[in-house]
């Protein structure tokens, strides 16, 4: 079912906070959850959207991948609260990211986009599919429905699955001269796994499930996901034996959500297998990131040392989102996960007493009712996601997760290849190494697209001088690895 009409409008909600400079959250009250989520969403909007226009154009200081991640947070916000204040901005932002080729590879970001960046946008579109976020006529006329675009991204990423090194896996970067091209990171492969699993669950198409299973078992085989379910950050080509043993909340979260979707999709012995995987991931997540003394989620690699960068400061948001999603599609996990979500929603809200508006949220939820002085996009989206994702467990009629048989409406195009590439897609083709192609059946008679999507720097399109990195300038394989502290390659 669709979210109910809010009992109180956003302007009225925010009026309440003109006199109370804090967020008072009652985790047992749906109205209180909506009120708190509305305040955090408003503060996030002030950080995220261009303050000169507030017209759906994201603030340029934030990375392109974060644009997709934050649009996904506002899809969740609408689903959990019924408040459509930000829907138009979400649609405008979405259409800017879709690109003329409908593959979430816009030309202005072409040189910098990695598989993980594209993956975050794809997960945003999958969120919109399963939450039945409204599609506009413009989207439909473009063939840019949320499901169609998600399927197109899946097909393009499937073509990049690289059997030539490590026996499989997606590389971090798409462009060969980027350091991350020599690194197969967990988030790229984890998002592809999650995307494939959710497409299988939504459409009922076994081919997507096969892709998800292959991705997951590959991560297990190269010890990105260890036997003890320590989830590493990634591994270097050519053999993936050089592992980066850093642990990040969002890596655990995307694997959790993918396992939950596969549990939901499968039956019999397969379901037993995926339940075992999901249970192990959940237990490892709790043991790794939940502070024993306070119950607070912590970004253990950087939070206590105050070294989290702009990217890493937002990672807890995605774990919180995917914990909530996991409970919705694998309800048996309720008793394990929901108490942690509720506890952290309360802890996060208690930090939202910071400047400049008296409601800015902090990074360190384990400090008690105290603001730690951190303020920005990461802190706001973290609080927003953990607060709004407890709503369905207080008001079960909101925030539904649908499929194509019980209420999902987004149009399917399983053979989607994106629109024909412009000639500029071939410019500087020498920068892009060939991927091992695979073409497998998608439903009856449909096939994954046969052409590899190639990228080009927007500077080349504009006729500007392009400096091609020479082979001597490219780091030799195996000598060293890129800084893989959970950041995107620049």
Protein backbone atom coordinates (compact mmCIF):
# COMPACT_ATOMS: atom_id res chain seq x y z
CA UNK A 1 0.00 0.00 0.00
CA UNK A 2 1.06 3.57 -0.54
CA UNK A 3 2.04 5.86 2.33
CA UNK A 4 -0.87 7.66 3.96
CA UNK A 5 -1.36 11.38 3.66
CA UNK A 6 0.58 13.06 6.46
CA UNK A 7 -1.48 14.06 9.47
CA UNK A 8 0.40 17.35 9.60
CA UNK A 9 2.11 19.30 6.86
CA UNK A 10 5.85 19.84 6.74
CA UNK A 11 5.60 23.62 7.29
CA UNK A 12 3.50 22.95 10.38
CA UNK A 13 5.97 20.37 11.59
CA UNK A 14 8.88 22.75 11.20
CA UNK A 15 6.97 25.51 12.98
CA UNK A 16 7.11 23.35 16.06
CA UNK A 17 10.89 23.56 15.99
CA UNK A 18 11.02 27.33 15.92
CA UNK A 19 10.48 27.22 19.65
CA UNK A 20 12.17 23.90 20.48
CA UNK A 21 15.79 23.91 19.36
CA UNK A 22 16.27 20.16 19.52
CA UNK A 23 14.75 16.97 18.17
CA UNK A 24 12.59 15.19 20.72
CA UNK A 25 11.96 11.67 19.42
CA UNK A 26 9.52 9.16 20.87
CA UNK A 27 10.43 5.93 19.06
CA UNK A 28 7.00 4.45 19.85
CA UNK A 29 5.05 7.31 18.23
CA UNK A 30 4.63 7.46 14.46
CA UNK A 31 3.80 11.16 14.62
CA UNK A 32 6.98 11.80 16.59
CA UNK A 33 9.04 9.78 14.11
CA UNK A 34 7.55 11.75 11.20
CA UNK A 35 8.16 15.04 12.97
CA UNK A 36 11.78 14.18 13.72
CA UNK A 37 12.38 12.88 10.20
CA UNK A 38 10.87 16.07 8.74
CA UNK A 39 13.26 18.27 10.71
CA UNK A 40 16.33 16.24 9.75
CA UNK A 41 15.17 16.10 6.13
CA UNK A 42 14.79 19.88 6.11
CA UNK A 43 18.28 20.38 7.51
CA UNK A 44 19.71 17.91 4.99
CA UNK A 45 17.97 19.74 2.16
CA UNK A 46 19.64 22.96 3.29
CA UNK A 47 23.00 21.20 2.98
CA UNK A 48 22.35 19.28 -0.20
CA UNK A 49 20.37 21.31 -2.69
CA UNK A 50 21.79 24.43 -4.30
CA UNK A 51 20.78 27.18 -1.86
CA UNK A 52 20.54 29.74 -4.67
CA UNK A 53 17.68 27.95 -6.37
CA UNK A 54 16.41 24.94 -4.38
CA UNK A 55 15.31 23.62 -7.77
CA UNK A 56 16.45 20.04 -7.56
CA UNK A 57 20.04 20.89 -8.49
CA UNK A 58 22.42 19.26 -5.98
CA UNK A 59 25.11 21.28 -4.25
CA UNK A 60 28.27 20.88 -6.35
CA UNK A 61 30.56 20.44 -3.34
CA UNK A 62 29.30 16.89 -2.85
CA UNK A 63 30.34 13.89 -4.93
CA UNK A 64 28.09 12.64 -7.71
CA UNK A 65 27.63 9.23 -6.07
CA UNK A 66 26.33 10.96 -2.95
CA UNK A 67 23.69 12.72 -5.03
CA UNK A 68 22.21 9.33 -5.89
CA UNK A 69 22.51 8.09 -2.32
CA UNK A 70 20.73 11.16 -0.94
CA UNK A 71 17.96 11.03 -3.53
CA UNK A 72 17.41 7.48 -2.29
CA UNK A 73 17.08 8.81 1.25
CA UNK A 74 14.32 11.15 0.09
CA UNK A 75 12.57 8.28 -1.69
CA UNK A 76 12.58 6.51 1.67
CA UNK A 77 11.42 9.70 3.39
CA UNK A 78 8.36 9.94 1.15
CA UNK A 79 7.57 6.25 1.62
CA UNK A 80 7.90 6.41 5.40
CA UNK A 81 6.11 9.71 6.01
CA UNK A 82 3.83 10.39 3.05
CA UNK A 83 5.28 13.91 2.83
CA UNK A 84 5.87 14.79 -0.84
CA UNK A 85 7.65 18.10 -0.19
CA UNK A 86 10.85 16.91 -1.87
CA UNK A 87 9.42 14.68 -4.59
CA UNK A 88 9.79 17.21 -7.39
CA UNK A 89 13.39 17.86 -6.44
CA UNK A 90 14.07 14.13 -6.38
CA UNK A 91 12.66 13.78 -9.89
CA UNK A 92 14.67 16.74 -11.20
CA UNK A 93 17.84 15.35 -9.64
CA UNK A 94 17.08 11.91 -11.02
CA UNK A 95 16.60 13.17 -14.56
CA UNK A 96 19.95 14.99 -14.35
CA UNK A 97 21.63 11.72 -13.43
CA UNK A 98 19.91 9.44 -15.92
CA UNK A 99 21.95 10.74 -18.91
CA UNK A 100 20.84 10.63 -22.57
CA UNK A 101 21.81 6.96 -22.74
CA UNK A 102 19.60 6.06 -19.74
CA UNK A 103 22.47 4.25 -18.02
CA UNK A 104 23.24 6.64 -15.14
CA UNK A 105 26.53 7.69 -16.76
CA UNK A 106 26.07 11.43 -17.39
CA UNK A 107 28.74 12.99 -19.58
CA UNK A 108 29.71 15.72 -17.11
CA UNK A 109 30.89 13.04 -14.66
CA UNK A 110 32.04 10.51 -17.25
CA UNK A 111 35.75 10.45 -16.45
CA UNK A 112 35.24 10.08 -12.70
CA UNK A 113 32.42 7.55 -12.46
CA UNK A 114 33.26 4.15 -11.01
CA UNK A 115 31.14 1.04 -10.85
CA UNK A 116 30.27 1.93 -7.26
CA UNK A 117 29.10 5.43 -8.21
CA UNK A 118 26.82 4.04 -10.89
CA UNK A 119 25.75 1.36 -8.42
CA UNK A 120 24.59 3.86 -5.80
CA UNK A 121 22.40 5.59 -8.37
CA UNK A 122 21.06 2.21 -9.48
CA UNK A 123 20.14 1.30 -5.91
CA UNK A 124 18.35 4.64 -5.62
CA UNK A 125 16.29 3.74 -8.70
CA UNK A 126 15.60 0.28 -7.25
CA UNK A 127 14.42 1.94 -4.04
CA UNK A 128 12.00 3.99 -6.14
CA UNK A 129 10.78 0.84 -7.90
CA UNK A 130 10.06 -1.10 -4.72
CA UNK A 131 8.62 1.88 -2.85
CA UNK A 132 6.41 2.80 -5.86
CA UNK A 133 7.77 6.33 -5.97
CA UNK A 134 5.71 8.36 -8.48
CA UNK A 135 7.04 8.37 -12.05
CA UNK A 136 6.46 11.49 -14.14
CA UNK A 137 5.19 11.65 -17.71
CA UNK A 138 8.58 13.01 -18.75
CA UNK A 139 10.29 9.92 -17.38
CA UNK A 140 7.91 7.59 -19.14
CA UNK A 141 8.22 9.46 -22.44
CA UNK A 142 12.02 9.16 -22.22
CA UNK A 143 11.87 5.46 -21.41
CA UNK A 144 13.48 6.44 -18.12
CA UNK A 145 11.19 4.64 -15.72
CA UNK A 146 12.95 3.55 -12.55
CA UNK A 147 12.81 -0.17 -13.32
CA UNK A 148 13.92 0.26 -16.94
CA UNK A 149 16.95 2.27 -15.88
CA UNK A 150 17.86 -0.18 -13.11
CA UNK A 151 17.72 -3.03 -15.61
CA UNK A 152 19.85 -1.08 -18.09
CA UNK A 153 22.50 -0.44 -15.45
CA UNK A 154 22.47 -4.11 -14.50
CA UNK A 155 23.02 -5.09 -18.11
CA UNK A 156 25.90 -2.66 -18.61
CA UNK A 157 27.58 -3.75 -15.39
CA UNK A 158 27.12 -7.41 -16.26
CA UNK A 159 29.20 -6.74 -19.35
CA UNK A 160 31.99 -5.39 -17.16
CA UNK A 161 32.22 -8.52 -15.03
CA UNK A 162 35.91 -9.22 -15.48
CA UNK A 163 36.88 -12.89 -15.76
CA UNK A 164 40.40 -12.00 -16.91
CA UNK A 165 41.62 -11.25 -13.37
CA UNK A 166 40.70 -12.85 -10.03
CA UNK A 167 38.26 -15.20 -11.80
CA UNK A 168 35.56 -12.55 -11.90
CA UNK A 169 34.35 -9.41 -10.19
CA UNK A 170 33.83 -5.76 -11.03
CA UNK A 171 36.75 -3.37 -10.91
CA UNK A 172 36.34 -0.24 -8.83
CA UNK A 173 36.93 2.18 -11.68
CA UNK A 174 35.81 1.98 -15.30
CA UNK A 175 38.57 4.16 -16.73
CA UNK A 176 41.89 2.31 -17.08
CA UNK A 177 44.14 5.20 -16.01
CA UNK A 178 42.43 5.58 -12.65
CA UNK A 179 44.24 3.90 -9.76
CA UNK A 180 41.05 2.13 -8.79
CA UNK A 181 40.99 0.24 -12.09
CA UNK A 182 43.43 -2.21 -10.52
CA UNK A 183 41.24 -2.76 -7.49
CA UNK A 184 38.10 -4.85 -7.11
CA UNK A 185 36.34 -3.20 -4.22
CA UNK A 186 33.59 -4.60 -2.09
CA UNK A 187 31.14 -1.76 -2.54
CA UNK A 188 31.10 -2.03 -6.36
CA UNK A 189 30.55 -5.77 -6.20
CA UNK A 190 28.25 -5.55 -3.20
CA UNK A 191 25.98 -3.01 -4.90
CA UNK A 192 25.89 -5.17 -8.03
CA UNK A 193 24.98 -8.16 -5.86
CA UNK A 194 22.25 -6.21 -4.07
CA UNK A 195 20.91 -4.74 -7.31
CA UNK A 196 20.73 -8.20 -8.95
CA UNK A 197 19.08 -9.79 -5.92
CA UNK A 198 16.44 -7.07 -5.66
CA UNK A 199 15.71 -7.25 -9.38
CA UNK A 200 15.19 -11.00 -8.98
CA UNK A 201 12.88 -10.48 -6.02
CA UNK A 202 10.89 -7.77 -7.77
CA UNK A 203 10.55 -9.36 -11.23
CA UNK A 204 10.71 -13.06 -10.37
CA UNK A 205 13.36 -13.47 -13.08
CA UNK A 206 15.83 -16.25 -12.26
CA UNK A 207 18.55 -14.74 -14.42
CA UNK A 208 18.98 -11.85 -12.01
CA UNK A 209 19.18 -14.33 -9.13
CA UNK A 210 21.89 -16.23 -10.99
CA UNK A 211 23.89 -13.01 -11.39
CA UNK A 212 23.45 -12.23 -7.69
CA UNK A 213 24.57 -15.70 -6.65
CA UNK A 214 27.62 -15.52 -8.90
CA UNK A 215 28.62 -12.15 -7.46
CA UNK A 216 28.18 -13.29 -3.88
CA UNK A 217 30.02 -16.57 -4.28
CA UNK A 218 32.84 -14.80 -6.09
CA UNK A 219 33.26 -12.43 -3.12
CA UNK A 220 33.37 -15.44 -0.82
CA UNK A 221 35.86 -17.25 -3.06
CA UNK A 222 38.45 -14.45 -3.02
CA UNK A 223 37.99 -13.73 0.71
CA UNK A 224 36.49 -10.31 0.27
CA UNK A 225 33.89 -11.94 2.50
CA UNK A 226 35.93 -14.18 4.79
CA UNK A 227 34.77 -17.47 6.28
CA UNK A 228 34.26 -15.69 9.61
CA UNK A 229 32.23 -13.01 7.76
CA UNK A 230 34.77 -10.27 8.26
CA UNK A 231 33.99 -8.22 5.16
CA UNK A 232 37.09 -6.59 3.70
CA UNK A 233 37.23 -3.43 1.60
CA UNK A 234 38.49 -5.13 -1.58
CA UNK A 235 41.44 -6.75 -3.33
CA UNK A 236 44.07 -5.95 -5.95
CA UNK A 237 44.23 -7.51 -9.38
CA UNK A 238 45.52 -9.68 -10.96
CA UNK A 239 44.82 -12.44 -8.41
CA UNK A 240 43.00 -10.66 -5.55
CA UNK A 241 45.41 -12.10 -3.01
CA UNK A 242 46.36 -8.62 -1.74
CA UNK A 243 43.34 -7.86 0.45
CA UNK A 244 42.57 -4.53 2.14
CA UNK A 245 41.26 -5.56 5.58
CA UNK A 246 39.37 -2.36 6.38
CA UNK A 247 35.78 -2.71 7.54
CA UNK A 248 33.11 -0.17 6.63
CA UNK A 249 29.45 -0.11 7.62
CA UNK A 250 28.15 0.33 4.08
CA UNK A 251 29.96 -2.78 2.81
CA UNK A 252 28.28 -4.89 5.47
CA UNK A 253 24.97 -3.18 4.75
CA UNK A 254 24.88 -3.85 1.02
CA UNK A 255 25.80 -7.52 1.52
CA UNK A 256 23.09 -7.79 4.18
CA UNK A 257 20.41 -6.32 1.91
CA UNK A 258 21.42 -8.57 -0.98
CA UNK A 259 21.29 -11.69 1.18
CA UNK A 260 17.88 -10.63 2.52
CA UNK A 261 16.50 -10.18 -0.99
CA UNK A 262 17.83 -13.60 -2.00
CA UNK A 263 16.30 -15.14 1.12
CA UNK A 264 12.98 -13.59 0.10
CA UNK A 265 13.26 -14.80 -3.50
CA UNK A 266 14.29 -18.40 -2.88
CA UNK A 267 12.60 -21.50 -1.47
CA UNK A 268 13.68 -24.82 0.02
CA UNK A 269 17.37 -25.59 0.32
CA UNK A 270 18.32 -22.36 -1.43
CA UNK A 271 16.44 -20.37 1.18
CA UNK A 272 18.21 -22.30 3.94
CA UNK A 273 21.53 -21.32 2.35
CA UNK A 274 20.65 -17.64 2.10
CA UNK A 275 19.28 -17.58 5.65
CA UNK A 276 22.60 -18.92 6.88
CA UNK A 277 24.49 -16.27 4.92
CA UNK A 278 22.19 -13.50 6.13
CA UNK A 279 22.41 -14.58 9.76
CA UNK A 280 26.20 -14.63 9.61
CA UNK A 281 26.37 -11.17 8.02
CA UNK A 282 23.97 -9.74 10.61
CA UNK A 283 25.89 -11.26 13.52
CA UNK A 284 29.18 -9.97 12.14
CA UNK A 285 27.70 -6.50 11.62
CA UNK A 286 26.48 -6.27 15.19
CA UNK A 287 29.74 -7.60 16.62
CA UNK A 288 31.79 -5.18 14.52
CA UNK A 289 29.92 -1.88 14.58
CA UNK A 290 27.69 -1.79 17.68
CA UNK A 291 29.37 -0.14 20.66
CA UNK A 292 29.12 -2.56 23.58
CA UNK A 293 28.62 0.12 26.24
CA UNK A 294 26.08 2.37 24.51
CA UNK A 295 24.59 0.30 21.69
CA UNK A 296 25.56 3.02 19.20
CA UNK A 297 26.59 2.32 15.62
CA UNK A 298 30.20 3.36 15.09
CA UNK A 299 32.30 3.79 11.95
CA UNK A 300 35.21 1.96 13.53
CA UNK A 301 37.88 2.82 10.95
CA UNK A 302 37.76 6.55 11.51
CA UNK A 303 35.09 7.81 13.91
CA UNK A 304 36.98 7.77 17.19
CA UNK A 305 40.08 9.32 15.61
CA UNK A 306 38.07 12.05 13.86
CA UNK A 307 39.55 11.06 10.50
CA UNK A 308 36.38 10.20 8.57
CA UNK A 309 36.33 12.02 5.24
CA UNK A 310 33.30 13.48 3.48
CA UNK A 311 32.34 10.09 2.04
CA UNK A 312 32.91 8.03 5.17
CA UNK A 313 30.87 10.37 7.35
CA UNK A 314 27.72 9.18 5.52
CA UNK A 315 28.33 5.42 5.52
CA UNK A 316 26.20 4.65 8.60
CA UNK A 317 23.16 5.98 6.74
CA UNK A 318 23.32 3.18 4.19
CA UNK A 319 23.75 0.49 6.82
CA UNK A 320 20.70 1.85 8.66
CA UNK A 321 18.67 1.96 5.44
CA UNK A 322 19.59 -1.60 4.53
CA UNK A 323 19.00 -2.90 8.05
CA UNK A 324 15.44 -1.58 7.77
CA UNK A 325 15.06 -3.07 4.30
CA UNK A 326 16.37 -6.42 5.53
CA UNK A 327 13.70 -6.66 8.23
CA UNK A 328 10.98 -5.83 5.71
CA UNK A 329 11.94 -8.56 3.22
CA UNK A 330 13.21 -11.10 5.78
CA UNK A 331 10.83 -10.50 8.71
CA UNK A 332 12.34 -13.22 10.88
CA UNK A 333 15.24 -10.78 11.50
CA UNK A 334 12.95 -8.37 13.37
CA UNK A 335 13.97 -9.38 16.89
CA UNK A 336 17.65 -9.10 16.02
CA UNK A 337 17.77 -5.87 14.01
CA UNK A 338 14.88 -3.63 15.05
CA UNK A 339 16.06 -3.12 18.65
CA UNK A 340 19.36 -1.81 17.26
CA UNK A 341 17.58 0.48 14.80
CA UNK A 342 15.30 1.86 17.52
CA UNK A 343 18.18 2.39 19.93
CA UNK A 344 20.23 4.21 17.31
CA UNK A 345 17.31 6.34 16.16
CA UNK A 346 16.99 7.61 19.72
CA UNK A 347 20.75 8.08 20.09
CA UNK A 348 21.05 9.91 16.78
CA UNK A 349 18.15 12.25 17.54
CA UNK A 350 19.74 13.11 20.90
CA UNK A 351 22.77 14.54 19.07
CA UNK A 352 20.64 16.87 16.93
CA UNK A 353 21.17 19.98 19.01
CA UNK A 354 23.98 21.57 17.01
CA UNK A 355 24.46 24.79 15.13
CA UNK A 356 23.63 26.64 12.98
CA UNK A 357 19.92 25.92 13.51
CA UNK A 358 19.96 24.20 16.88
CA UNK A 359 18.95 20.90 15.26
CA UNK A 360 22.14 19.85 13.44
CA UNK A 361 22.98 16.21 14.10
CA UNK A 362 26.33 14.80 15.18
CA UNK A 363 28.52 11.91 14.05
CA UNK A 364 29.22 10.22 17.40
CA UNK A 365 25.97 8.75 18.65
CA UNK A 366 27.80 7.05 21.53
CA UNK A 367 28.44 10.34 23.35
CA UNK A 368 24.94 10.62 24.75
CA UNK A 369 22.65 13.67 24.36
CA UNK A 370 25.49 15.78 23.06
CA UNK A 371 26.53 17.32 19.75
CA UNK A 372 30.14 16.51 18.83
CA UNK A 373 30.64 19.59 16.68
CA UNK A 374 30.46 17.67 13.42
CA UNK A 375 28.00 19.13 10.95
CA UNK A 376 27.33 18.33 7.34
CA UNK A 377 25.67 16.11 4.81
CA UNK A 378 26.95 12.88 6.35
CA UNK A 379 25.67 13.59 9.83
CA UNK A 380 22.25 14.63 8.54
CA UNK A 381 21.68 11.67 6.24
CA UNK A 382 22.86 9.27 8.95
CA UNK A 383 20.26 10.57 11.38
CA UNK A 384 17.55 10.84 8.74
CA UNK A 385 17.90 7.23 7.59
CA UNK A 386 18.05 5.64 11.02
CA UNK A 387 15.06 7.67 12.28
CA UNK A 388 12.77 7.16 9.29
CA UNK A 389 13.60 3.47 8.95
CA UNK A 390 11.94 2.66 12.27
CA UNK A 391 8.61 4.02 10.99
CA UNK A 392 7.30 0.76 9.42
CA UNK A 393 7.79 -1.04 12.71
CA UNK A 394 5.50 1.43 14.49
CA UNK A 395 3.06 2.03 11.60
CA UNK A 396 3.09 -1.11 9.41
CA UNK A 397 0.91 0.57 6.77
CA UNK A 398 3.79 2.81 5.62
CA UNK A 399 7.04 2.18 3.80
CA UNK A 400 6.00 -0.96 1.97
CA UNK A 401 8.38 -2.95 -0.24
CA UNK A 402 6.49 -4.10 -3.34
CA UNK A 403 7.07 -6.35 -6.33
CA UNK A 404 5.49 -6.60 -9.77
CA UNK A 405 2.70 -8.85 -8.48
CA UNK A 406 1.51 -7.00 -5.41
CA UNK A 407 1.48 -3.32 -6.29
CA UNK A 408 4.67 -2.43 -8.16
CA UNK A 409 3.96 -0.29 -11.23
CA UNK A 410 7.29 0.62 -12.86
CA UNK A 411 7.56 -0.70 -16.42
CA UNK A 412 10.02 -3.54 -17.08
CA UNK A 413 12.51 -3.68 -19.95
CA UNK A 414 14.80 -6.65 -19.17
CA UNK A 415 16.74 -6.33 -22.42
CA UNK A 416 17.44 -2.63 -21.86
CA UNK A 417 20.76 -1.53 -23.31
CA UNK A 418 20.29 2.20 -22.98
CA UNK A 419 19.79 4.45 -25.96
CA UNK A 420 22.25 4.45 -28.84
CA UNK A 421 25.53 6.00 -27.75
CA UNK A 422 26.57 9.31 -29.28
CA UNK A 423 29.81 9.44 -31.24
CA UNK A 424 31.55 11.12 -28.31
CA UNK A 425 31.33 7.84 -26.43
CA UNK A 426 34.11 6.58 -28.72
CA UNK A 427 36.45 9.51 -28.10
CA UNK A 428 39.63 8.53 -26.25
CA UNK A 429 38.64 4.87 -26.53
CA UNK A 430 42.29 3.94 -26.01
CA UNK A 431 41.84 4.80 -22.33
CA UNK A 432 39.45 1.96 -21.79
CA UNK A 433 40.57 -1.65 -21.67
CA UNK A 434 38.23 -4.31 -23.03
CA UNK A 435 36.18 -6.30 -20.59
CA UNK A 436 35.42 -10.00 -20.92
CA UNK A 437 31.93 -9.98 -22.37
CA UNK A 438 29.14 -12.30 -21.48
CA UNK A 439 25.73 -12.52 -23.05
CA UNK A 440 23.13 -14.49 -21.19
CA UNK A 441 19.39 -14.82 -21.42
CA UNK A 442 17.20 -12.27 -19.67
CA UNK A 443 13.73 -13.75 -19.80
CA UNK A 444 12.33 -15.16 -23.02
CA UNK A 445 14.31 -14.05 -26.01
CA UNK A 446 15.86 -11.00 -24.38
CA UNK A 447 19.61 -10.69 -24.10
CA UNK A 448 21.98 -8.47 -22.25
CA UNK A 449 23.20 -5.70 -24.54
CA UNK A 450 26.14 -6.61 -26.73
CA UNK A 451 27.98 -3.31 -26.75
CA UNK A 452 30.28 -2.11 -23.99
CA UNK A 453 29.50 1.33 -22.69
CA UNK A 454 32.62 3.43 -22.97
CA UNK A 455 33.22 6.71 -21.24
CA UNK A 456 34.90 9.97 -22.09
CA UNK A 457 35.95 13.02 -20.20
CA UNK A 458 33.50 15.87 -20.57
CA UNK A 459 36.51 18.06 -21.31
CA UNK A 460 36.97 16.23 -24.59
CA UNK A 461 33.35 16.83 -25.48
CA UNK A 462 33.79 20.52 -24.87
CA UNK A 463 36.78 20.63 -27.23
CA UNK A 464 39.22 21.30 -24.43
CA UNK A 465 42.75 19.92 -24.28
CA UNK A 466 42.81 16.41 -22.85
CA UNK A 467 45.91 15.11 -21.16
CA UNK A 468 46.19 11.35 -21.57
CA UNK A 469 48.11 9.60 -18.82
CA UNK A 470 51.06 7.73 -20.27
CA UNK A 471 51.76 4.10 -19.36
CA UNK A 472 54.81 5.23 -17.37
CA UNK A 473 52.59 7.34 -15.13
CA UNK A 474 50.24 4.50 -14.31
CA UNK A 475 51.03 2.61 -11.14
CA UNK A 476 52.49 -0.84 -11.83
CA UNK A 477 50.24 -3.72 -10.84
CA UNK A 478 50.96 -5.25 -7.48
CA UNK A 479 53.53 -2.65 -6.35
CA UNK A 480 51.13 -0.59 -4.32
CA UNK A 481 47.45 -0.08 -4.00
CA UNK A 482 45.22 2.95 -4.12
CA UNK A 483 44.07 4.55 -0.92
CA UNK A 484 41.10 2.33 -0.28
CA UNK A 485 39.87 3.84 2.91
CA UNK A 486 36.32 3.74 1.67
CA UNK A 487 36.79 6.79 -0.57
CA UNK A 488 36.12 7.17 -4.26
CA UNK A 489 39.12 7.45 -6.57
CA UNK A 490 39.65 10.95 -7.81
